[in-house]
Every structure is written in structure tokens, then in C-alpha cells.
N, C-alpha and C. Protein backbone atom coordinates (compact mmCIF):
# COMPACT_ATOMS: atom_id res chain seq x y z
N MET A 1 80.67 84.28 88.27
CA MET A 1 80.93 83.00 88.91
C MET A 1 81.86 83.22 90.11
N PRO A 2 81.54 82.67 91.27
CA PRO A 2 82.41 82.85 92.44
C PRO A 2 83.69 82.04 92.31
N SER A 3 84.66 82.37 93.15
CA SER A 3 85.89 81.59 93.22
C SER A 3 85.54 80.15 93.60
N PRO A 4 86.21 79.16 92.99
CA PRO A 4 85.88 77.77 93.30
C PRO A 4 86.39 77.29 94.65
N PHE A 5 87.25 78.06 95.29
CA PHE A 5 87.84 77.64 96.56
C PHE A 5 86.92 78.00 97.72
N PRO A 6 86.90 77.19 98.78
CA PRO A 6 86.05 77.49 99.93
C PRO A 6 86.53 78.68 100.74
N GLY A 7 87.81 79.01 100.62
CA GLY A 7 88.39 80.13 101.35
C GLY A 7 89.22 81.00 100.43
N MET A 8 90.42 81.35 100.86
CA MET A 8 91.32 82.13 100.02
C MET A 8 91.68 81.32 98.77
N ASN A 9 91.76 81.99 97.64
CA ASN A 9 92.20 81.35 96.41
C ASN A 9 93.71 81.54 96.29
N PRO A 10 94.53 80.49 96.45
CA PRO A 10 95.98 80.68 96.48
C PRO A 10 96.56 81.16 95.16
N TYR A 11 95.83 81.00 94.07
CA TYR A 11 96.31 81.48 92.78
C TYR A 11 96.29 83.01 92.70
N LEU A 12 95.49 83.65 93.53
CA LEU A 12 95.48 85.11 93.57
C LEU A 12 96.75 85.69 94.16
N GLU A 13 97.54 84.87 94.85
CA GLU A 13 98.75 85.35 95.49
C GLU A 13 99.92 85.51 94.52
N ARG A 14 99.75 85.09 93.29
CA ARG A 14 100.83 85.21 92.31
C ARG A 14 101.12 86.67 92.02
N ASP A 15 102.41 86.98 91.82
CA ASP A 15 102.82 88.37 91.63
C ASP A 15 102.06 89.05 90.49
N GLU A 16 101.81 88.33 89.41
CA GLU A 16 101.18 88.95 88.25
C GLU A 16 99.72 89.32 88.50
N THR A 17 99.13 88.79 89.56
CA THR A 17 97.72 89.02 89.84
C THR A 17 97.49 89.86 91.09
N TRP A 18 98.41 89.77 92.06
CA TRP A 18 98.12 90.32 93.38
C TRP A 18 97.83 91.82 93.36
N HIS A 19 98.64 92.61 92.63
CA HIS A 19 98.43 94.06 92.67
C HIS A 19 97.05 94.41 92.16
N ASP A 20 96.60 93.74 91.11
CA ASP A 20 95.26 93.99 90.59
C ASP A 20 94.20 93.65 91.64
N PHE A 21 94.36 92.51 92.31
CA PHE A 21 93.41 92.11 93.35
C PHE A 21 93.42 93.12 94.49
N HIS A 22 94.61 93.52 94.92
CA HIS A 22 94.74 94.48 96.01
C HIS A 22 94.03 95.79 95.68
N GLU A 23 94.23 96.29 94.46
CA GLU A 23 93.68 97.58 94.10
C GLU A 23 92.19 97.53 93.80
N ARG A 24 91.63 96.35 93.63
CA ARG A 24 90.18 96.19 93.53
C ARG A 24 89.55 95.99 94.90
N PHE A 25 90.29 95.35 95.81
CA PHE A 25 89.76 94.97 97.12
C PHE A 25 89.41 96.18 97.97
N LEU A 26 90.32 97.17 98.04
CA LEU A 26 90.10 98.30 98.95
C LEU A 26 88.95 99.21 98.50
N PRO A 27 88.82 99.54 97.22
CA PRO A 27 87.62 100.30 96.82
C PRO A 27 86.31 99.56 97.11
N LEU A 28 86.32 98.23 96.94
CA LEU A 28 85.12 97.47 97.28
C LEU A 28 84.85 97.54 98.77
N ALA A 29 85.90 97.46 99.59
CA ALA A 29 85.72 97.58 101.04
C ALA A 29 85.08 98.92 101.40
N ALA A 30 85.57 100.01 100.80
CA ALA A 30 84.99 101.33 101.07
C ALA A 30 83.53 101.39 100.62
N GLU A 31 83.25 100.79 99.47
CA GLU A 31 81.87 100.78 98.96
C GLU A 31 80.93 100.03 99.90
N LEU A 32 81.38 98.89 100.42
CA LEU A 32 80.54 98.10 101.31
C LEU A 32 80.39 98.73 102.69
N LEU A 33 81.41 99.46 103.13
CA LEU A 33 81.35 100.08 104.44
C LEU A 33 80.47 101.33 104.46
N THR A 34 80.42 102.06 103.36
CA THR A 34 79.73 103.36 103.34
C THR A 34 78.29 103.30 103.83
N PRO A 35 77.44 102.39 103.33
CA PRO A 35 76.06 102.38 103.83
C PRO A 35 75.95 101.96 105.29
N GLN A 36 76.96 101.27 105.82
CA GLN A 36 76.92 100.84 107.21
C GLN A 36 77.30 101.95 108.18
N ILE A 37 78.11 102.90 107.72
CA ILE A 37 78.66 103.91 108.64
C ILE A 37 78.01 105.28 108.48
N ARG A 38 77.20 105.46 107.46
CA ARG A 38 76.51 106.74 107.30
C ARG A 38 75.46 106.92 108.41
N PRO A 39 75.15 108.13 108.84
CA PRO A 39 75.66 109.40 108.34
C PRO A 39 76.79 109.97 109.18
N ASN A 40 77.25 109.21 110.17
CA ASN A 40 78.22 109.77 111.12
C ASN A 40 79.66 109.71 110.65
N PHE A 41 79.96 108.78 109.72
CA PHE A 41 81.33 108.59 109.28
C PHE A 41 81.38 108.51 107.76
N ILE A 42 82.57 108.71 107.21
CA ILE A 42 82.79 108.57 105.78
C ILE A 42 83.96 107.61 105.55
N ALA A 43 83.90 106.86 104.47
CA ALA A 43 84.99 105.96 104.08
C ALA A 43 85.69 106.55 102.86
N LYS A 44 87.00 106.73 102.97
CA LYS A 44 87.78 107.33 101.90
C LYS A 44 88.95 106.43 101.54
N LEU A 45 89.41 106.57 100.30
CA LEU A 45 90.60 105.85 99.85
C LEU A 45 91.81 106.78 99.93
N ASP A 46 92.92 106.23 100.40
CA ASP A 46 94.18 106.96 100.39
C ASP A 46 95.25 105.99 99.93
N GLU A 47 96.49 106.46 99.83
CA GLU A 47 97.55 105.61 99.29
C GLU A 47 98.80 105.66 100.16
N ASN A 48 99.40 104.51 100.34
CA ASN A 48 100.78 104.43 100.82
C ASN A 48 101.68 104.58 99.59
N VAL A 49 102.69 105.44 99.67
CA VAL A 49 103.58 105.68 98.54
C VAL A 49 104.98 105.20 98.92
N TYR A 50 105.54 104.33 98.09
CA TYR A 50 106.89 103.80 98.30
C TYR A 50 107.77 104.26 97.14
N ILE A 51 108.86 104.94 97.45
CA ILE A 51 109.76 105.48 96.45
C ILE A 51 111.01 104.61 96.37
N HIS A 52 111.34 104.16 95.16
CA HIS A 52 112.52 103.32 94.95
C HIS A 52 113.44 104.00 93.93
N GLU A 53 114.69 104.20 94.29
CA GLU A 53 115.68 104.73 93.35
C GLU A 53 116.24 103.57 92.55
N LEU A 54 116.11 103.64 91.23
CA LEU A 54 116.57 102.57 90.37
C LEU A 54 118.05 102.70 90.10
N PRO A 55 118.76 101.58 89.88
CA PRO A 55 120.20 101.64 89.59
C PRO A 55 120.47 102.48 88.35
N SER A 56 121.55 103.26 88.41
CA SER A 56 121.93 104.10 87.29
C SER A 56 123.16 103.52 86.60
N SER A 57 123.21 103.68 85.27
CA SER A 57 124.36 103.19 84.51
C SER A 57 125.40 104.26 84.30
N THR A 58 125.17 105.47 84.86
CA THR A 58 126.10 106.58 84.67
C THR A 58 127.40 106.34 85.43
N THR A 59 128.53 106.57 84.77
CA THR A 59 129.85 106.44 85.40
C THR A 59 130.47 107.82 85.52
N LEU A 60 130.85 108.22 86.72
CA LEU A 60 131.47 109.52 86.96
C LEU A 60 132.94 109.33 87.27
N ARG A 61 133.79 110.18 86.66
CA ARG A 61 135.23 110.12 86.91
C ARG A 61 135.67 111.44 87.51
N ALA A 62 136.24 111.38 88.71
CA ALA A 62 136.72 112.60 89.35
C ALA A 62 137.84 113.20 88.49
N PRO A 63 137.94 114.55 88.44
CA PRO A 63 137.14 115.52 89.20
C PRO A 63 135.97 116.06 88.42
N SER A 64 135.49 115.34 87.41
CA SER A 64 134.39 115.83 86.59
C SER A 64 133.13 115.99 87.42
N PHE A 65 132.31 116.96 87.02
CA PHE A 65 131.02 117.15 87.67
C PHE A 65 129.96 117.26 86.59
N VAL A 66 128.95 116.44 86.70
CA VAL A 66 127.83 116.52 85.77
C VAL A 66 126.55 116.35 86.57
N GLN A 67 125.45 116.85 86.02
CA GLN A 67 124.14 116.63 86.61
C GLN A 67 123.43 115.56 85.80
N VAL A 68 122.93 114.56 86.51
CA VAL A 68 122.27 113.45 85.83
C VAL A 68 120.90 113.23 86.46
N PRO A 69 119.92 112.78 85.66
CA PRO A 69 118.62 112.44 86.23
C PRO A 69 118.70 111.17 87.06
N VAL A 70 117.94 111.11 88.10
CA VAL A 70 117.88 109.91 88.94
C VAL A 70 116.60 109.16 88.60
N ALA A 71 116.76 107.89 88.24
CA ALA A 71 115.58 107.09 87.88
C ALA A 71 114.83 106.69 89.15
N ILE A 72 113.54 106.99 89.19
CA ILE A 72 112.73 106.75 90.37
C ILE A 72 111.55 105.86 90.00
N ASP A 73 111.32 104.87 90.80
CA ASP A 73 110.12 104.04 90.67
C ASP A 73 109.21 104.36 91.85
N GLU A 74 107.99 104.77 91.56
CA GLU A 74 107.04 105.13 92.62
C GLU A 74 105.94 104.09 92.66
N GLN A 75 105.80 103.43 93.79
CA GLN A 75 104.78 102.40 93.96
C GLN A 75 103.71 102.92 94.91
N ARG A 76 102.45 102.83 94.49
CA ARG A 76 101.33 103.31 95.29
C ARG A 76 100.41 102.15 95.63
N GLU A 77 100.01 102.08 96.88
CA GLU A 77 99.12 101.01 97.33
C GLU A 77 97.99 101.62 98.16
N THR A 78 96.78 101.27 97.78
CA THR A 78 95.59 101.86 98.39
C THR A 78 95.30 101.29 99.77
N PHE A 79 94.75 102.12 100.64
CA PHE A 79 94.16 101.66 101.90
C PHE A 79 92.88 102.46 102.14
N VAL A 80 92.09 102.02 103.10
CA VAL A 80 90.82 102.68 103.43
C VAL A 80 90.97 103.39 104.77
N GLU A 81 90.46 104.60 104.84
CA GLU A 81 90.38 105.29 106.11
C GLU A 81 88.94 105.70 106.36
N ILE A 82 88.52 105.55 107.60
CA ILE A 82 87.19 105.98 108.04
C ILE A 82 87.37 107.21 108.91
N ARG A 83 86.64 108.25 108.55
CA ARG A 83 86.77 109.53 109.27
C ARG A 83 85.42 110.00 109.78
N ASP A 84 85.47 110.77 110.85
CA ASP A 84 84.28 111.42 111.37
C ASP A 84 83.77 112.42 110.32
N ARG A 85 82.50 112.36 110.02
CA ARG A 85 81.96 113.22 108.95
C ARG A 85 82.06 114.70 109.29
N GLN A 86 81.86 115.04 110.56
CA GLN A 86 81.85 116.45 110.95
C GLN A 86 83.27 117.01 111.08
N THR A 87 84.14 116.31 111.81
CA THR A 87 85.46 116.86 112.14
C THR A 87 86.57 116.36 111.22
N ARG A 88 86.27 115.32 110.42
CA ARG A 88 87.26 114.65 109.57
C ARG A 88 88.36 113.95 110.39
N GLU A 89 88.11 113.75 111.68
CA GLU A 89 89.08 113.01 112.50
C GLU A 89 89.20 111.58 111.99
N LEU A 90 90.43 111.09 111.92
CA LEU A 90 90.67 109.72 111.48
C LEU A 90 90.26 108.75 112.58
N ILE A 91 89.40 107.79 112.24
CA ILE A 91 88.85 106.85 113.22
C ILE A 91 89.46 105.46 113.04
N THR A 92 89.49 104.96 111.82
CA THR A 92 89.93 103.59 111.55
C THR A 92 90.67 103.53 110.23
N VAL A 93 91.71 102.71 110.18
CA VAL A 93 92.45 102.43 108.95
C VAL A 93 92.31 100.95 108.63
N VAL A 94 92.01 100.63 107.37
CA VAL A 94 91.91 99.25 106.91
C VAL A 94 93.00 99.03 105.88
N GLU A 95 93.89 98.08 106.16
CA GLU A 95 95.02 97.77 105.29
C GLU A 95 94.94 96.33 104.81
N LEU A 96 95.17 96.12 103.52
CA LEU A 96 95.40 94.79 102.97
C LEU A 96 96.87 94.72 102.62
N LEU A 97 97.62 93.83 103.28
CA LEU A 97 99.05 93.79 103.09
C LEU A 97 99.43 93.34 101.68
N SER A 98 100.55 93.88 101.21
CA SER A 98 101.14 93.51 99.94
C SER A 98 102.52 92.91 100.17
N PRO A 99 103.10 92.28 99.16
CA PRO A 99 104.44 91.72 99.34
C PRO A 99 105.45 92.75 99.83
N SER A 100 105.35 94.00 99.35
CA SER A 100 106.31 95.02 99.77
C SER A 100 106.21 95.33 101.25
N ASN A 101 105.04 95.13 101.86
CA ASN A 101 104.90 95.34 103.31
C ASN A 101 105.59 94.27 104.12
N LYS A 102 105.81 93.10 103.50
CA LYS A 102 106.29 91.95 104.25
C LYS A 102 107.76 91.62 103.99
N ARG A 103 108.24 91.86 102.77
CA ARG A 103 109.63 91.55 102.45
C ARG A 103 110.56 92.46 103.23
N THR A 104 111.67 91.91 103.68
CA THR A 104 112.67 92.71 104.39
C THR A 104 113.18 93.82 103.50
N GLY A 105 113.20 95.03 104.03
CA GLY A 105 113.67 96.16 103.24
C GLY A 105 112.98 97.45 103.64
N PRO A 106 113.25 98.53 102.91
CA PRO A 106 112.73 99.86 103.31
C PRO A 106 111.21 99.96 103.25
N ASP A 107 110.56 99.25 102.33
CA ASP A 107 109.09 99.34 102.26
C ASP A 107 108.46 98.74 103.52
N ARG A 108 109.01 97.61 103.95
CA ARG A 108 108.51 97.00 105.20
C ARG A 108 108.73 97.95 106.37
N GLU A 109 109.91 98.55 106.44
CA GLU A 109 110.21 99.45 107.55
C GLU A 109 109.29 100.68 107.52
N GLN A 110 108.98 101.17 106.33
CA GLN A 110 108.06 102.31 106.23
C GLN A 110 106.67 101.93 106.71
N TYR A 111 106.21 100.74 106.32
CA TYR A 111 104.88 100.31 106.78
C TYR A 111 104.87 100.09 108.29
N LEU A 112 105.93 99.45 108.82
CA LEU A 112 105.99 99.21 110.26
C LEU A 112 106.00 100.52 111.05
N ALA A 113 106.66 101.55 110.50
CA ALA A 113 106.66 102.86 111.17
C ALA A 113 105.25 103.43 111.21
N LYS A 114 104.51 103.29 110.11
CA LYS A 114 103.12 103.74 110.09
C LYS A 114 102.30 102.95 111.11
N ARG A 115 102.52 101.66 111.14
CA ARG A 115 101.79 100.78 112.07
C ARG A 115 102.04 101.20 113.52
N ARG A 116 103.31 101.51 113.86
CA ARG A 116 103.64 101.94 115.22
C ARG A 116 102.95 103.26 115.56
N ARG A 117 102.90 104.17 114.58
CA ARG A 117 102.21 105.44 114.82
C ARG A 117 100.73 105.22 115.11
N LEU A 118 100.12 104.32 114.37
CA LEU A 118 98.70 104.04 114.60
C LEU A 118 98.49 103.39 115.96
N PHE A 119 99.37 102.46 116.33
CA PHE A 119 99.25 101.80 117.63
C PHE A 119 99.39 102.79 118.79
N ALA A 120 100.12 103.88 118.55
CA ALA A 120 100.33 104.88 119.61
C ALA A 120 99.28 105.98 119.58
N SER A 121 98.27 105.83 118.72
CA SER A 121 97.27 106.88 118.54
C SER A 121 95.90 106.40 119.01
N TRP A 122 94.90 107.23 118.71
CA TRP A 122 93.51 106.90 119.03
C TRP A 122 92.80 106.28 117.83
N VAL A 123 93.57 105.80 116.87
CA VAL A 123 93.01 105.25 115.63
C VAL A 123 92.97 103.73 115.69
N ASN A 124 91.86 103.15 115.27
CA ASN A 124 91.75 101.69 115.15
C ASN A 124 92.46 101.24 113.88
N LEU A 125 93.05 100.03 113.93
CA LEU A 125 93.72 99.47 112.76
C LEU A 125 93.16 98.09 112.47
N VAL A 126 92.76 97.87 111.22
CA VAL A 126 92.38 96.55 110.73
C VAL A 126 93.41 96.15 109.68
N GLU A 127 94.14 95.08 109.96
CA GLU A 127 95.24 94.64 109.09
C GLU A 127 94.91 93.24 108.57
N ILE A 128 94.85 93.10 107.25
CA ILE A 128 94.45 91.85 106.61
C ILE A 128 95.64 91.31 105.83
N ASP A 129 96.08 90.11 106.17
CA ASP A 129 97.19 89.47 105.47
C ASP A 129 96.67 88.22 104.77
N LEU A 130 96.53 88.30 103.44
CA LEU A 130 96.07 87.16 102.65
C LEU A 130 97.19 86.64 101.76
N LEU A 131 98.43 86.77 102.24
CA LEU A 131 99.60 86.30 101.51
C LEU A 131 100.39 85.31 102.37
N ARG A 132 100.66 84.15 101.81
CA ARG A 132 101.50 83.18 102.52
C ARG A 132 102.97 83.55 102.44
N ALA A 133 103.37 84.25 101.39
CA ALA A 133 104.78 84.58 101.18
C ALA A 133 105.23 85.68 102.13
N GLY A 134 106.51 85.68 102.43
CA GLY A 134 107.12 86.73 103.22
C GLY A 134 107.00 86.51 104.72
N PRO A 135 107.96 87.03 105.48
CA PRO A 135 107.87 86.91 106.94
C PRO A 135 106.71 87.69 107.50
N ARG A 136 106.06 87.13 108.51
CA ARG A 136 104.95 87.81 109.15
C ARG A 136 105.40 89.11 109.79
N LEU A 137 104.50 90.06 109.87
CA LEU A 137 104.78 91.26 110.64
C LEU A 137 104.76 90.91 112.12
N PRO A 138 105.42 91.73 112.96
CA PRO A 138 105.50 91.41 114.38
C PRO A 138 104.12 91.28 115.02
N LEU A 139 103.84 90.11 115.56
CA LEU A 139 102.59 89.83 116.27
C LEU A 139 102.88 88.81 117.35
N GLU A 140 102.47 89.11 118.56
CA GLU A 140 102.66 88.15 119.64
C GLU A 140 101.57 87.08 119.62
N ASP A 141 101.98 85.86 119.89
CA ASP A 141 101.05 84.73 120.08
C ASP A 141 100.25 84.41 118.82
N LEU A 142 100.81 84.70 117.63
CA LEU A 142 100.12 84.30 116.41
C LEU A 142 100.37 82.82 116.17
N PRO A 143 99.33 81.98 116.18
CA PRO A 143 99.54 80.54 115.95
C PRO A 143 99.89 80.29 114.49
N ALA A 144 100.33 79.06 114.21
CA ALA A 144 100.63 78.68 112.84
C ALA A 144 99.37 78.81 111.99
N CYS A 145 99.47 79.53 110.88
CA CYS A 145 98.32 79.75 110.01
C CYS A 145 98.83 80.21 108.66
N ASP A 146 97.96 80.20 107.67
CA ASP A 146 98.32 80.66 106.34
C ASP A 146 98.07 82.15 106.15
N TYR A 147 97.03 82.67 106.79
CA TYR A 147 96.63 84.07 106.66
C TYR A 147 96.13 84.54 108.03
N TYR A 148 95.94 85.85 108.16
CA TYR A 148 95.36 86.33 109.42
C TYR A 148 94.70 87.69 109.20
N VAL A 149 93.86 88.05 110.17
CA VAL A 149 93.29 89.39 110.26
C VAL A 149 93.54 89.89 111.68
N LEU A 150 94.05 91.09 111.79
CA LEU A 150 94.28 91.75 113.08
C LEU A 150 93.32 92.93 113.19
N VAL A 151 92.60 93.01 114.30
CA VAL A 151 91.74 94.16 114.58
C VAL A 151 92.20 94.77 115.90
N SER A 152 92.89 95.90 115.79
CA SER A 152 93.45 96.58 116.96
C SER A 152 92.59 97.81 117.27
N ARG A 153 91.83 97.69 118.36
CA ARG A 153 90.98 98.81 118.81
C ARG A 153 91.80 99.70 119.75
N HIS A 154 91.70 101.00 119.54
CA HIS A 154 92.55 101.91 120.30
C HIS A 154 92.31 101.80 121.80
N ASP A 155 91.06 101.50 122.21
CA ASP A 155 90.74 101.48 123.64
C ASP A 155 91.00 100.12 124.29
N GLU A 156 91.51 99.16 123.53
CA GLU A 156 91.81 97.84 124.09
C GLU A 156 93.31 97.50 124.03
N ARG A 157 94.11 98.39 123.49
CA ARG A 157 95.54 98.10 123.38
C ARG A 157 96.17 98.00 124.75
N PRO A 158 97.15 97.09 124.92
CA PRO A 158 97.88 96.34 123.89
C PRO A 158 97.18 95.07 123.40
N GLN A 159 95.99 94.75 123.90
CA GLN A 159 95.27 93.59 123.40
C GLN A 159 94.66 93.90 122.03
N ALA A 160 94.48 92.86 121.22
CA ALA A 160 93.89 93.03 119.90
C ALA A 160 93.16 91.76 119.52
N GLY A 161 92.20 91.88 118.63
CA GLY A 161 91.51 90.72 118.10
C GLY A 161 92.32 90.11 116.96
N LEU A 162 92.38 88.79 116.91
CA LEU A 162 93.20 88.11 115.91
C LEU A 162 92.43 86.93 115.34
N TRP A 163 92.38 86.86 114.01
CA TRP A 163 91.72 85.77 113.30
C TRP A 163 92.77 85.00 112.51
N PRO A 164 93.31 83.89 113.04
CA PRO A 164 94.20 83.05 112.22
C PRO A 164 93.36 82.28 111.20
N ILE A 165 93.82 82.19 109.97
CA ILE A 165 93.04 81.58 108.90
C ILE A 165 93.90 80.54 108.20
N HIS A 166 93.32 79.37 107.94
CA HIS A 166 94.02 78.32 107.20
C HIS A 166 93.48 78.26 105.77
N LEU A 167 94.32 77.73 104.90
CA LEU A 167 94.01 77.71 103.47
C LEU A 167 92.64 77.11 103.17
N ARG A 168 92.28 76.04 103.86
CA ARG A 168 91.05 75.34 103.52
C ARG A 168 89.82 75.88 104.24
N GLU A 169 90.00 76.95 105.02
CA GLU A 169 88.89 77.53 105.78
C GLU A 169 88.27 78.71 105.05
N ARG A 170 86.98 78.91 105.30
CA ARG A 170 86.29 80.09 104.79
C ARG A 170 86.91 81.35 105.38
N LEU A 171 87.07 82.37 104.55
CA LEU A 171 87.52 83.66 105.07
C LEU A 171 86.45 84.23 105.99
N PRO A 172 86.85 84.91 107.07
CA PRO A 172 85.86 85.32 108.08
C PRO A 172 85.12 86.60 107.73
N LEU A 173 84.04 86.80 108.45
CA LEU A 173 83.36 88.09 108.52
C LEU A 173 84.02 88.84 109.67
N ILE A 174 84.57 90.01 109.38
CA ILE A 174 85.38 90.70 110.40
C ILE A 174 84.73 92.02 110.81
N PRO A 175 84.90 92.41 112.08
CA PRO A 175 84.37 93.70 112.54
C PRO A 175 85.27 94.85 112.10
N ILE A 176 84.67 95.97 111.80
CA ILE A 176 85.41 97.20 111.51
C ILE A 176 85.00 98.21 112.57
N PRO A 177 85.86 98.41 113.59
CA PRO A 177 85.47 99.27 114.71
C PRO A 177 85.35 100.72 114.30
N LEU A 178 84.40 101.39 114.94
CA LEU A 178 84.19 102.81 114.74
C LEU A 178 84.53 103.53 116.04
N ARG A 179 83.71 104.43 116.48
CA ARG A 179 83.95 105.17 117.73
C ARG A 179 82.67 105.12 118.55
N ALA A 180 82.79 104.78 119.83
CA ALA A 180 81.62 104.69 120.72
C ALA A 180 80.82 105.98 120.65
N PRO A 181 79.50 105.86 120.70
CA PRO A 181 78.67 104.69 120.98
C PRO A 181 78.24 103.91 119.74
N HIS A 182 78.89 104.11 118.62
CA HIS A 182 78.46 103.50 117.37
C HIS A 182 78.95 102.06 117.28
N ALA A 183 78.08 101.18 116.83
CA ALA A 183 78.41 99.76 116.70
C ALA A 183 79.37 99.55 115.54
N ASP A 184 80.06 98.40 115.59
CA ASP A 184 80.99 98.05 114.52
C ASP A 184 80.27 97.93 113.18
N ALA A 185 80.97 98.27 112.11
CA ALA A 185 80.59 97.83 110.78
C ALA A 185 81.22 96.45 110.58
N CYS A 186 81.05 95.85 109.41
CA CYS A 186 81.65 94.54 109.19
C CYS A 186 81.93 94.34 107.70
N LEU A 187 82.87 93.45 107.42
CA LEU A 187 83.19 93.04 106.06
C LEU A 187 83.22 91.52 106.00
N ASP A 188 82.53 90.96 105.03
CA ASP A 188 82.57 89.52 104.79
C ASP A 188 83.64 89.27 103.74
N LEU A 189 84.82 88.86 104.18
CA LEU A 189 85.96 88.73 103.27
C LEU A 189 85.71 87.68 102.19
N GLN A 190 85.01 86.61 102.54
CA GLN A 190 84.76 85.57 101.54
C GLN A 190 83.85 86.07 100.43
N GLN A 191 82.81 86.78 100.80
CA GLN A 191 81.91 87.31 99.79
C GLN A 191 82.59 88.38 98.94
N MET A 192 83.49 89.15 99.55
CA MET A 192 84.25 90.13 98.78
C MET A 192 85.13 89.43 97.75
N LEU A 193 85.81 88.36 98.16
CA LEU A 193 86.66 87.63 97.23
C LEU A 193 85.84 87.09 96.06
N HIS A 194 84.69 86.48 96.36
CA HIS A 194 83.84 85.94 95.30
C HIS A 194 83.41 87.05 94.32
N ARG A 195 83.04 88.19 94.87
CA ARG A 195 82.57 89.29 94.02
C ARG A 195 83.69 89.80 93.11
N LEU A 196 84.89 89.94 93.66
CA LEU A 196 86.01 90.42 92.85
C LEU A 196 86.44 89.39 91.82
N TYR A 197 86.43 88.13 92.21
CA TYR A 197 86.80 87.05 91.28
C TYR A 197 85.91 87.08 90.05
N ASP A 198 84.62 87.31 90.27
CA ASP A 198 83.68 87.36 89.18
C ASP A 198 83.85 88.64 88.36
N ALA A 199 83.96 89.79 89.03
CA ALA A 199 84.04 91.07 88.32
C ALA A 199 85.31 91.17 87.49
N ALA A 200 86.41 90.62 87.98
CA ALA A 200 87.69 90.72 87.27
C ALA A 200 87.90 89.59 86.26
N ALA A 201 86.96 88.65 86.19
CA ALA A 201 87.08 87.49 85.29
C ALA A 201 88.42 86.78 85.48
N TYR A 202 88.81 86.61 86.73
CA TYR A 202 90.09 85.93 87.02
C TYR A 202 90.13 84.51 86.45
N GLU A 203 88.98 83.87 86.38
CA GLU A 203 88.97 82.49 85.89
C GLU A 203 89.57 82.38 84.48
N ASP A 204 89.51 83.46 83.71
CA ASP A 204 89.97 83.41 82.32
C ASP A 204 91.48 83.27 82.20
N TYR A 205 92.23 83.66 83.26
CA TYR A 205 93.70 83.61 83.11
C TYR A 205 94.47 83.21 84.36
N LEU A 206 93.76 82.95 85.44
CA LEU A 206 94.43 82.75 86.73
C LEU A 206 95.18 81.43 86.82
N TYR A 207 94.76 80.42 86.10
CA TYR A 207 95.23 79.06 86.36
C TYR A 207 96.23 78.55 85.32
N THR A 208 97.02 79.46 84.75
CA THR A 208 98.02 79.05 83.76
C THR A 208 99.33 78.58 84.40
N GLY A 209 99.46 78.71 85.69
CA GLY A 209 100.65 78.25 86.41
C GLY A 209 100.26 77.73 87.77
N GLU A 210 101.25 77.51 88.63
CA GLU A 210 101.01 77.01 89.98
C GLU A 210 100.93 78.17 90.96
N PRO A 211 100.32 77.94 92.14
CA PRO A 211 100.30 79.01 93.16
C PRO A 211 101.71 79.42 93.55
N GLU A 212 101.85 80.67 93.94
CA GLU A 212 103.12 81.21 94.44
C GLU A 212 102.88 81.83 95.81
N PRO A 213 103.71 81.43 96.81
CA PRO A 213 104.74 80.39 96.76
C PRO A 213 104.11 79.01 96.62
N PRO A 214 104.93 77.99 96.26
CA PRO A 214 104.36 76.65 96.08
C PRO A 214 103.69 76.14 97.35
N LEU A 215 102.64 75.39 97.16
CA LEU A 215 101.93 74.77 98.28
C LEU A 215 102.61 73.46 98.67
N PRO A 216 102.51 73.04 99.94
CA PRO A 216 102.96 71.69 100.30
C PRO A 216 102.23 70.65 99.46
N PRO A 217 102.83 69.48 99.26
CA PRO A 217 102.25 68.49 98.34
C PRO A 217 100.77 68.18 98.59
N GLY A 218 100.39 67.97 99.85
CA GLY A 218 98.99 67.66 100.14
C GLY A 218 98.06 68.78 99.77
N ASP A 219 98.46 70.02 100.10
CA ASP A 219 97.63 71.17 99.77
C ASP A 219 97.62 71.43 98.27
N ALA A 220 98.74 71.13 97.59
CA ALA A 220 98.81 71.33 96.14
C ALA A 220 97.82 70.41 95.43
N THR A 221 97.76 69.15 95.87
CA THR A 221 96.80 68.22 95.28
C THR A 221 95.38 68.67 95.56
N TRP A 222 95.14 69.09 96.78
CA TRP A 222 93.81 69.60 97.16
C TRP A 222 93.44 70.81 96.30
N ALA A 223 94.36 71.75 96.12
CA ALA A 223 94.07 72.97 95.37
C ALA A 223 93.76 72.66 93.90
N ARG A 224 94.52 71.74 93.32
CA ARG A 224 94.29 71.41 91.91
C ARG A 224 92.90 70.84 91.67
N SER A 225 92.31 70.26 92.71
CA SER A 225 90.96 69.68 92.53
C SER A 225 89.90 70.77 92.34
N PHE A 226 90.24 72.02 92.67
CA PHE A 226 89.28 73.13 92.52
C PHE A 226 89.47 73.92 91.25
N VAL A 227 90.59 73.67 90.54
CA VAL A 227 90.87 74.45 89.34
C VAL A 227 89.86 74.13 88.26
N PRO A 228 89.18 75.11 87.70
CA PRO A 228 88.19 74.85 86.67
C PRO A 228 88.82 74.20 85.44
N ALA A 229 88.08 73.33 84.78
CA ALA A 229 88.57 72.71 83.55
C ALA A 229 88.73 73.78 82.48
N ARG A 230 89.83 73.72 81.76
CA ARG A 230 90.08 74.69 80.69
C ARG A 230 89.37 74.25 79.43
């Protein structure tokens, strides 16, 4: 069964669901891109790795010296890379943003550093933000919107394609640039969402609470009208 919403399903943005959705979305993107880009390119999955040192309860008193283990939390988030089949040259990166990419802190700074490296390279970047929470990443002239897609082609920088998306709108079909003379591939984000919603059986547990972050009153009433009867 497809998602009942005409566009993005705001209940998918909840913390307890988002990581699962994110980690299903990128493999599906690679699967859908592969038949479009063969035989000249390949779609592969890779991971952004974020390392967090957890607080320690160990108390040290000078001049004592002891060796203690450091508690580490390692967070991995998938992205898609398209490479030239012959040379393995990186052609395009497809990112679906997560809360850690947007919240102020070291994870955001690490992602922004990667983003700057890509902008300074010959690599195309497709950046998909389907989260209302968190400050937007730096983008000039982004109008008020709930979500967006950025398509930055290396040969058109500093200009880029931008798709502002509102909650009640259908998610777009977006181009995935390759390398001339090859035509763009494409991803239909709405159809991807419907397919994942069905495959993950989100309907069975998604609607036990309210969307996060909370919707404005008018949108909250509108959203509740789509929630399936329990």
C-alpha cells in the first residue's frame, strides 16, 4: 500500500523512523539508477562515518596515571556514488540529509567540509533534504519551503538547480547528472517513497504519535486527515 500523503509523509521524519527510512532510501536509489546508467557507469553505496566520544565517568586524581578505555559511538550513514565503469572516476554523489547533517555541531561541519570539496571538484552533487527539522544548509536564494532538492552540476557552478518542495506537494522527479555526452538519469522521489512505505510496512507503526517537529495547526489538521484508521 502506498503512503497516504500526496507528497512527503511527515510522520517519517520522526527520530525513531528516520534512520530506517534513510538506510532503505539510498540502496533503492542505487537499484533504480543502475539500469539507467549501464554500461558506462556504476552505482555504488558508500558511507559517511561520524565518530562521537561518549562522556566518561572515570575520575583521575593527580599525580596518578591510569589507562582507561574511551567510549566511542560510531554513526554510519549511506550515500550513493556513481563512477565511470572503466576508470572508476567519481562522477556524481547522491546524498539524503539526516538530522546529524543539519544540527549545529561537528557532524554538520564534517558534512559541510565534504560538500565544499565536492563543489570545488569535477563531481556532481545531488542533495535531498526531506527533513523540516534543523537549520538549512547554506544555500543562496532558497525560498520558504518545507523540503528541497539541490542538483549541482560541476560544469554549471556556481549556479545549481533547486527544487523547493512544500508539504502538500508531490515530491518531484529529479535529474541525476552524469558526464557528457550521456543524458541524465532520473529518480522519482514520490514513487520511491511509496515503494519504501509499502516494503517497510510503515503503516503498522508509524502513526502512534504526532509528526516531529510539530506541524503548524492548519497543516496538523490536514495531515491527520490522511492517517489511516487503526
